[in-house]
Amino acid sequence: MEPPSPARLYATLAGALLFVAGILGFFGDLSWLNFLYVGTGALGLLLAGPAPRFCALSLGLIYTTLAIWDFSGGDGWLHLALGLLGLAALAGTPRLEPRAKAAAKSP
C-alpha cells in the first residue's frame, strides 16, 4: 500500500461521493449515469489503497471526457471539476520507484 497522498485522498473521497450519489440517484430514476456513478465509485474505493494513482488517472480521464462530451447537460460542471481534480491529484502524487516500493513494503 502506498503512503498517504493526494491521489489516495481523491480516490477515497471521490469514490465514496460517487457511490452514494449513484445509490441515491436510483430513487429518482434509473439513468445510465447512476450506474456509472456506482461503478466508478466502487472502483475508487477498491483502488484507493493498492493503486490510487491509477484510480485518479482513470476517474480523471473518464469524468473530463464525460464533461466534454455532454457539457450541455446540468452535470457538466460537476463532471469537469471531478475529472480535473483527479488529474491534479495524479500530478501531485509522486511515483514510487521500485526501490522505494520495496522499502515501503518492508517493516
N, C-alpha and C. Protein backbone atom coordinates (compact mmCIF):
# COMPACT_ATOMS: atom_id res chain seq x y z
N MET A 1 0.84 -1.17 0.00
CA MET A 1 0.00 0.00 0.00
C MET A 1 0.89 1.24 0.00
N GLU A 2 0.55 2.20 -0.84
CA GLU A 2 1.34 3.43 -0.93
C GLU A 2 1.07 4.32 0.28
N PRO A 3 2.01 5.21 0.62
CA PRO A 3 1.78 6.13 1.73
C PRO A 3 0.67 7.12 1.37
N PRO A 4 0.11 7.83 2.38
CA PRO A 4 -0.94 8.81 2.11
C PRO A 4 -0.49 9.82 1.05
N SER A 5 -1.40 10.14 0.15
CA SER A 5 -1.06 11.02 -0.96
C SER A 5 -2.33 11.71 -1.45
N PRO A 6 -2.17 12.77 -2.26
CA PRO A 6 -3.36 13.41 -2.85
C PRO A 6 -4.19 12.43 -3.68
N ALA A 7 -3.53 11.50 -4.38
CA ALA A 7 -4.27 10.54 -5.20
C ALA A 7 -5.11 9.61 -4.33
N ARG A 8 -4.58 9.19 -3.21
CA ARG A 8 -5.34 8.31 -2.31
C ARG A 8 -6.52 9.06 -1.70
N LEU A 9 -6.30 10.29 -1.29
CA LEU A 9 -7.38 11.11 -0.74
C LEU A 9 -8.47 11.31 -1.79
N TYR A 10 -8.07 11.63 -3.03
CA TYR A 10 -9.03 11.81 -4.11
C TYR A 10 -9.80 10.52 -4.37
N ALA A 11 -9.09 9.40 -4.48
CA ALA A 11 -9.75 8.13 -4.78
C ALA A 11 -10.77 7.77 -3.70
N THR A 12 -10.42 7.99 -2.46
CA THR A 12 -11.32 7.66 -1.36
C THR A 12 -12.54 8.58 -1.34
N LEU A 13 -12.30 9.89 -1.40
CA LEU A 13 -13.42 10.84 -1.32
C LEU A 13 -14.30 10.80 -2.56
N ALA A 14 -13.69 10.79 -3.73
CA ALA A 14 -14.47 10.74 -4.97
C ALA A 14 -15.22 9.41 -5.07
N GLY A 15 -14.57 8.32 -4.67
CA GLY A 15 -15.23 7.02 -4.70
C GLY A 15 -16.45 6.98 -3.80
N ALA A 16 -16.31 7.48 -2.59
CA ALA A 16 -17.44 7.49 -1.66
C ALA A 16 -18.56 8.41 -2.17
N LEU A 17 -18.19 9.59 -2.64
CA LEU A 17 -19.17 10.54 -3.15
C LEU A 17 -19.93 9.97 -4.35
N LEU A 18 -19.21 9.40 -5.30
CA LEU A 18 -19.84 8.84 -6.49
C LEU A 18 -20.73 7.65 -6.15
N PHE A 19 -20.27 6.80 -5.27
CA PHE A 19 -21.05 5.62 -4.90
C PHE A 19 -22.36 6.03 -4.24
N VAL A 20 -22.29 6.95 -3.28
CA VAL A 20 -23.50 7.40 -2.58
C VAL A 20 -24.42 8.15 -3.55
N ALA A 21 -23.86 9.01 -4.41
CA ALA A 21 -24.68 9.74 -5.38
C ALA A 21 -25.38 8.78 -6.33
N GLY A 22 -24.69 7.72 -6.75
CA GLY A 22 -25.31 6.74 -7.63
C GLY A 22 -26.45 5.99 -6.96
N ILE A 23 -26.24 5.58 -5.72
CA ILE A 23 -27.29 4.86 -4.98
C ILE A 23 -28.49 5.78 -4.76
N LEU A 24 -28.25 7.00 -4.32
CA LEU A 24 -29.35 7.94 -4.10
C LEU A 24 -30.05 8.31 -5.40
N GLY A 25 -29.32 8.33 -6.49
CA GLY A 25 -29.90 8.65 -7.78
C GLY A 25 -30.90 7.62 -8.26
N PHE A 26 -30.76 6.37 -7.80
CA PHE A 26 -31.70 5.33 -8.20
C PHE A 26 -33.10 5.59 -7.67
N PHE A 27 -33.21 6.39 -6.60
CA PHE A 27 -34.54 6.71 -6.08
C PHE A 27 -35.28 7.66 -7.00
N GLY A 28 -34.53 8.42 -7.82
CA GLY A 28 -35.16 9.35 -8.75
C GLY A 28 -35.45 8.73 -10.11
N ASP A 29 -34.48 8.03 -10.66
CA ASP A 29 -34.64 7.38 -11.96
C ASP A 29 -33.55 6.33 -12.14
N LEU A 30 -33.69 5.55 -13.17
CA LEU A 30 -32.70 4.51 -13.49
C LEU A 30 -31.82 4.96 -14.65
N SER A 31 -31.23 6.12 -14.52
CA SER A 31 -30.38 6.69 -15.56
C SER A 31 -29.07 5.90 -15.64
N TRP A 32 -28.47 5.90 -16.84
CA TRP A 32 -27.19 5.24 -17.02
C TRP A 32 -26.10 5.93 -16.21
N LEU A 33 -26.30 7.22 -15.91
CA LEU A 33 -25.31 7.93 -15.09
C LEU A 33 -25.25 7.35 -13.68
N ASN A 34 -26.37 6.92 -13.13
CA ASN A 34 -26.36 6.33 -11.80
C ASN A 34 -25.56 5.04 -11.77
N PHE A 35 -25.68 4.24 -12.82
CA PHE A 35 -24.87 3.02 -12.91
C PHE A 35 -23.38 3.37 -13.04
N LEU A 36 -23.08 4.42 -13.81
CA LEU A 36 -21.70 4.87 -13.95
C LEU A 36 -21.15 5.35 -12.62
N TYR A 37 -21.95 6.13 -11.88
CA TYR A 37 -21.51 6.64 -10.59
C TYR A 37 -21.24 5.50 -9.60
N VAL A 38 -22.13 4.53 -9.54
CA VAL A 38 -21.94 3.40 -8.61
C VAL A 38 -20.69 2.60 -9.01
N GLY A 39 -20.54 2.34 -10.29
CA GLY A 39 -19.39 1.56 -10.75
C GLY A 39 -18.06 2.27 -10.53
N THR A 40 -17.98 3.54 -10.91
CA THR A 40 -16.72 4.26 -10.73
C THR A 40 -16.48 4.58 -9.25
N GLY A 41 -17.55 4.76 -8.49
CA GLY A 41 -17.38 4.97 -7.05
C GLY A 41 -16.81 3.73 -6.38
N ALA A 42 -17.34 2.57 -6.74
CA ALA A 42 -16.81 1.31 -6.19
C ALA A 42 -15.36 1.10 -6.62
N LEU A 43 -15.07 1.43 -7.88
CA LEU A 43 -13.69 1.33 -8.37
C LEU A 43 -12.76 2.22 -7.55
N GLY A 44 -13.20 3.44 -7.28
CA GLY A 44 -12.39 4.36 -6.49
C GLY A 44 -12.13 3.84 -5.09
N LEU A 45 -13.17 3.31 -4.45
CA LEU A 45 -13.00 2.79 -3.10
C LEU A 45 -12.12 1.55 -3.07
N LEU A 46 -12.25 0.70 -4.07
CA LEU A 46 -11.44 -0.52 -4.11
C LEU A 46 -9.97 -0.25 -4.43
N LEU A 47 -9.72 0.76 -5.27
CA LEU A 47 -8.34 1.03 -5.69
C LEU A 47 -7.65 2.11 -4.85
N ALA A 48 -8.34 2.70 -3.89
CA ALA A 48 -7.73 3.77 -3.09
C ALA A 48 -6.49 3.29 -2.34
N GLY A 49 -6.49 2.06 -1.89
CA GLY A 49 -5.34 1.53 -1.17
C GLY A 49 -4.23 1.04 -2.07
N PRO A 50 -4.50 0.08 -2.97
CA PRO A 50 -3.42 -0.51 -3.75
C PRO A 50 -2.96 0.30 -4.96
N ALA A 51 -3.83 1.08 -5.58
CA ALA A 51 -3.45 1.79 -6.81
C ALA A 51 -4.12 3.15 -6.92
N PRO A 52 -3.82 4.07 -6.01
CA PRO A 52 -4.50 5.37 -6.05
C PRO A 52 -4.14 6.22 -7.26
N ARG A 53 -2.91 6.12 -7.76
CA ARG A 53 -2.53 6.90 -8.95
C ARG A 53 -3.31 6.43 -10.17
N PHE A 54 -3.45 5.14 -10.34
CA PHE A 54 -4.22 4.60 -11.46
C PHE A 54 -5.69 5.02 -11.34
N CYS A 55 -6.21 5.00 -10.13
CA CYS A 55 -7.60 5.40 -9.91
C CYS A 55 -7.80 6.87 -10.23
N ALA A 56 -6.90 7.73 -9.78
CA ALA A 56 -7.01 9.16 -10.06
C ALA A 56 -6.93 9.42 -11.56
N LEU A 57 -6.04 8.72 -12.24
CA LEU A 57 -5.93 8.86 -13.69
C LEU A 57 -7.21 8.39 -14.38
N SER A 58 -7.70 7.23 -13.99
CA SER A 58 -8.89 6.67 -14.63
C SER A 58 -10.11 7.55 -14.43
N LEU A 59 -10.38 7.91 -13.17
CA LEU A 59 -11.55 8.75 -12.90
C LEU A 59 -11.38 10.13 -13.51
N GLY A 60 -10.17 10.66 -13.48
CA GLY A 60 -9.92 11.96 -14.09
C GLY A 60 -10.22 11.97 -15.58
N LEU A 61 -9.74 10.94 -16.27
CA LEU A 61 -9.99 10.86 -17.72
C LEU A 61 -11.46 10.59 -18.03
N ILE A 62 -12.10 9.71 -17.27
CA ILE A 62 -13.50 9.38 -17.52
C ILE A 62 -14.39 10.61 -17.36
N TYR A 63 -14.22 11.32 -16.25
CA TYR A 63 -15.13 12.43 -15.98
C TYR A 63 -14.78 13.69 -16.76
N THR A 64 -13.53 13.88 -17.12
CA THR A 64 -13.19 15.00 -18.00
C THR A 64 -13.76 14.75 -19.39
N THR A 65 -13.63 13.53 -19.88
CA THR A 65 -14.20 13.17 -21.18
C THR A 65 -15.72 13.28 -21.16
N LEU A 66 -16.34 12.83 -20.09
CA LEU A 66 -17.79 12.92 -19.97
C LEU A 66 -18.24 14.38 -19.97
N ALA A 67 -17.49 15.25 -19.32
CA ALA A 67 -17.84 16.67 -19.28
C ALA A 67 -17.74 17.29 -20.67
N ILE A 68 -16.70 16.94 -21.40
CA ILE A 68 -16.52 17.49 -22.75
C ILE A 68 -17.58 16.95 -23.70
N TRP A 69 -17.90 15.66 -23.56
CA TRP A 69 -18.85 15.00 -24.44
C TRP A 69 -20.27 15.54 -24.25
N ASP A 70 -20.67 15.77 -22.99
CA ASP A 70 -22.04 16.20 -22.71
C ASP A 70 -22.02 17.41 -21.80
N PHE A 71 -21.36 18.47 -22.25
CA PHE A 71 -21.24 19.64 -21.39
C PHE A 71 -22.54 20.43 -21.30
N SER A 72 -23.45 20.23 -22.24
CA SER A 72 -24.70 20.97 -22.23
C SER A 72 -25.62 20.49 -21.12
N GLY A 73 -25.37 19.30 -20.59
CA GLY A 73 -26.20 18.77 -19.51
C GLY A 73 -25.96 19.52 -18.21
N GLY A 74 -26.82 19.32 -17.25
CA GLY A 74 -26.72 20.03 -15.97
C GLY A 74 -25.53 19.63 -15.13
N ASP A 75 -25.00 18.43 -15.36
CA ASP A 75 -23.90 17.92 -14.55
C ASP A 75 -22.53 18.20 -15.17
N GLY A 76 -22.47 18.94 -16.26
CA GLY A 76 -21.22 19.16 -16.97
C GLY A 76 -20.14 19.78 -16.10
N TRP A 77 -20.50 20.79 -15.34
CA TRP A 77 -19.51 21.46 -14.49
C TRP A 77 -19.02 20.54 -13.38
N LEU A 78 -19.93 19.75 -12.81
CA LEU A 78 -19.53 18.81 -11.75
C LEU A 78 -18.61 17.72 -12.29
N HIS A 79 -18.93 17.21 -13.48
CA HIS A 79 -18.08 16.20 -14.10
C HIS A 79 -16.70 16.77 -14.42
N LEU A 80 -16.68 18.00 -14.92
CA LEU A 80 -15.41 18.63 -15.24
C LEU A 80 -14.57 18.85 -13.98
N ALA A 81 -15.19 19.33 -12.92
CA ALA A 81 -14.46 19.54 -11.66
C ALA A 81 -13.92 18.22 -11.11
N LEU A 82 -14.74 17.18 -11.14
CA LEU A 82 -14.32 15.88 -10.65
C LEU A 82 -13.18 15.31 -11.48
N GLY A 83 -13.26 15.48 -12.80
CA GLY A 83 -12.21 14.98 -13.68
C GLY A 83 -10.90 15.74 -13.52
N LEU A 84 -10.98 17.05 -13.46
CA LEU A 84 -9.75 17.85 -13.32
C LEU A 84 -9.11 17.67 -11.95
N LEU A 85 -9.93 17.47 -10.91
CA LEU A 85 -9.37 17.20 -9.59
C LEU A 85 -8.62 15.86 -9.58
N GLY A 86 -9.15 14.89 -10.31
CA GLY A 86 -8.45 13.60 -10.41
C GLY A 86 -7.11 13.73 -11.09
N LEU A 87 -7.08 14.49 -12.18
CA LEU A 87 -5.81 14.69 -12.89
C LEU A 87 -4.83 15.51 -12.06
N ALA A 88 -5.35 16.46 -11.29
CA ALA A 88 -4.48 17.25 -10.41
C ALA A 88 -3.93 16.39 -9.28
N ALA A 89 -4.76 15.50 -8.74
CA ALA A 89 -4.29 14.59 -7.68
C ALA A 89 -3.21 13.66 -8.21
N LEU A 90 -3.39 13.21 -9.44
CA LEU A 90 -2.36 12.37 -10.07
C LEU A 90 -1.05 13.14 -10.21
N ALA A 91 -1.14 14.38 -10.69
CA ALA A 91 0.06 15.19 -10.88
C ALA A 91 0.73 15.53 -9.55
N GLY A 92 -0.04 15.63 -8.47
CA GLY A 92 0.52 15.98 -7.17
C GLY A 92 1.03 14.80 -6.37
N THR A 93 0.91 13.61 -6.91
CA THR A 93 1.37 12.42 -6.20
C THR A 93 2.61 11.87 -6.88
N PRO A 94 3.73 11.83 -6.17
CA PRO A 94 4.96 11.31 -6.79
C PRO A 94 4.86 9.81 -7.04
N ARG A 95 5.47 9.40 -8.12
CA ARG A 95 5.51 7.97 -8.46
C ARG A 95 6.59 7.32 -7.61
N LEU A 96 6.26 6.19 -7.01
CA LEU A 96 7.25 5.46 -6.22
C LEU A 96 8.16 4.67 -7.14
N GLU A 97 9.43 4.77 -6.92
CA GLU A 97 10.40 3.99 -7.68
C GLU A 97 10.39 2.56 -7.15
N PRO A 98 10.85 1.58 -7.93
CA PRO A 98 10.85 0.18 -7.48
C PRO A 98 11.59 -0.01 -6.16
N ARG A 99 12.68 0.70 -5.96
CA ARG A 99 13.45 0.57 -4.71
C ARG A 99 12.63 1.13 -3.56
N ALA A 100 11.92 2.23 -3.79
CA ALA A 100 11.09 2.83 -2.73
C ALA A 100 9.90 1.94 -2.42
N LYS A 101 9.36 1.26 -3.43
CA LYS A 101 8.24 0.34 -3.18
C LYS A 101 8.68 -0.80 -2.27
N ALA A 102 9.86 -1.35 -2.53
CA ALA A 102 10.36 -2.44 -1.70
C ALA A 102 10.61 -1.97 -0.27
N ALA A 103 11.13 -0.77 -0.11
CA ALA A 103 11.39 -0.22 1.22
C ALA A 103 10.08 0.07 1.95
N ALA A 104 9.06 0.49 1.21
CA ALA A 104 7.78 0.80 1.82
C ALA A 104 7.08 -0.47 2.30
N LYS A 105 7.31 -1.60 1.63
CA LYS A 105 6.67 -2.85 2.00
C LYS A 105 7.36 -3.51 3.20
N SER A 106 8.65 -3.32 3.35
CA SER A 106 9.37 -3.97 4.44
C SER A 106 9.09 -3.23 5.75
N PRO A 107 8.96 -3.98 6.87
CA PRO A 107 8.63 -3.36 8.16
C PRO A 107 9.71 -2.56 8.77
